[in-house]
Amino acid sequence: MDTFALLLVIVGALNWGLIGLFQFDLVATLFGGQSSILSRIVYSLVGLGGAYAITFLFKDREKVR
């Protein structure tokens, strides 16, 4: 689950980077516009992945020696 959430966060970050730098929404382009049902599903999954990734901040980490 952690890997899937991280993958979704990466997809979202790359998409926002493209929007910010080039005004290009890759998700909307691939799935038929911002208001298409497929785009909305992807946006929702990215949002849920980001919400889940918040838990990464509170997990105990192993110390690397």
Protein backbone atom coordinates (compact mmCIF):
# COMPACT_ATOMS: atom_id res chain seq x y z
CA MET A 1 0.00 0.00 0.00
CA ASP A 2 2.86 2.39 0.81
CA THR A 3 4.43 1.85 -2.62
CA PHE A 4 1.12 2.46 -4.41
CA ALA A 5 0.50 5.65 -2.41
CA LEU A 6 4.03 6.85 -3.18
CA LEU A 7 3.52 6.12 -6.88
CA LEU A 8 0.30 8.16 -6.87
CA VAL A 9 2.02 11.06 -5.10
CA ILE A 10 4.80 10.99 -7.70
CA VAL A 11 2.26 11.01 -10.55
CA GLY A 12 0.51 13.97 -8.94
CA ALA A 13 3.74 15.86 -8.37
CA LEU A 14 4.90 15.33 -11.95
CA ASN A 15 1.51 16.42 -13.28
CA TRP A 16 1.57 19.59 -11.15
CA GLY A 17 5.13 20.26 -12.30
CA LEU A 18 4.01 20.04 -15.92
CA ILE A 19 1.07 22.34 -15.20
CA GLY A 20 3.29 24.86 -13.45
CA LEU A 21 6.10 24.88 -15.99
CA PHE A 22 4.30 24.31 -19.28
CA GLN A 23 0.55 24.73 -18.58
CA PHE A 24 0.15 21.11 -19.69
CA ASP A 25 -2.14 18.76 -17.76
CA LEU A 26 -0.95 15.26 -18.67
CA VAL A 27 -3.78 13.49 -16.83
CA ALA A 28 -6.43 15.53 -18.64
CA THR A 29 -4.68 14.95 -21.96
CA LEU A 30 -4.48 11.19 -21.48
CA PHE A 31 -7.98 10.70 -20.10
CA GLY A 32 -10.16 13.10 -22.09
CA GLY A 33 -10.20 16.44 -20.28
CA GLN A 34 -10.35 17.58 -16.68
CA SER A 35 -14.03 16.81 -16.26
CA SER A 36 -14.04 13.33 -17.79
CA ILE A 37 -14.84 10.54 -15.37
CA LEU A 38 -11.46 8.83 -15.91
CA SER A 39 -9.54 12.02 -15.14
CA ARG A 40 -11.63 12.60 -12.04
CA ILE A 41 -10.90 9.05 -10.89
CA VAL A 42 -7.15 9.58 -11.37
CA TYR A 43 -7.29 12.96 -9.57
CA SER A 44 -9.23 11.34 -6.72
CA LEU A 45 -6.76 8.46 -6.42
CA VAL A 46 -3.84 10.91 -6.37
CA GLY A 47 -5.59 12.89 -3.63
CA LEU A 48 -6.24 9.76 -1.58
CA GLY A 49 -2.64 8.66 -2.11
CA GLY A 50 -1.45 12.04 -0.85
CA ALA A 51 -3.70 11.83 2.20
CA TYR A 52 -2.37 8.35 2.94
CA ALA A 53 1.22 9.53 2.41
CA ILE A 54 0.79 11.96 5.30
CA THR A 55 1.13 8.92 7.56
CA PHE A 56 4.72 8.53 6.32
CA LEU A 57 5.61 11.61 8.36
CA PHE A 58 4.63 9.88 11.59
CA LYS A 59 6.16 6.44 11.03
CA ASP A 60 9.24 5.43 12.96
CA ARG A 61 12.27 5.24 10.74
CA GLU A 62 15.22 2.94 11.11
CA LYS A 63 18.45 4.74 11.81
CA VAL A 64 21.10 4.20 9.16
CA ARG A 65 24.61 3.73 10.52
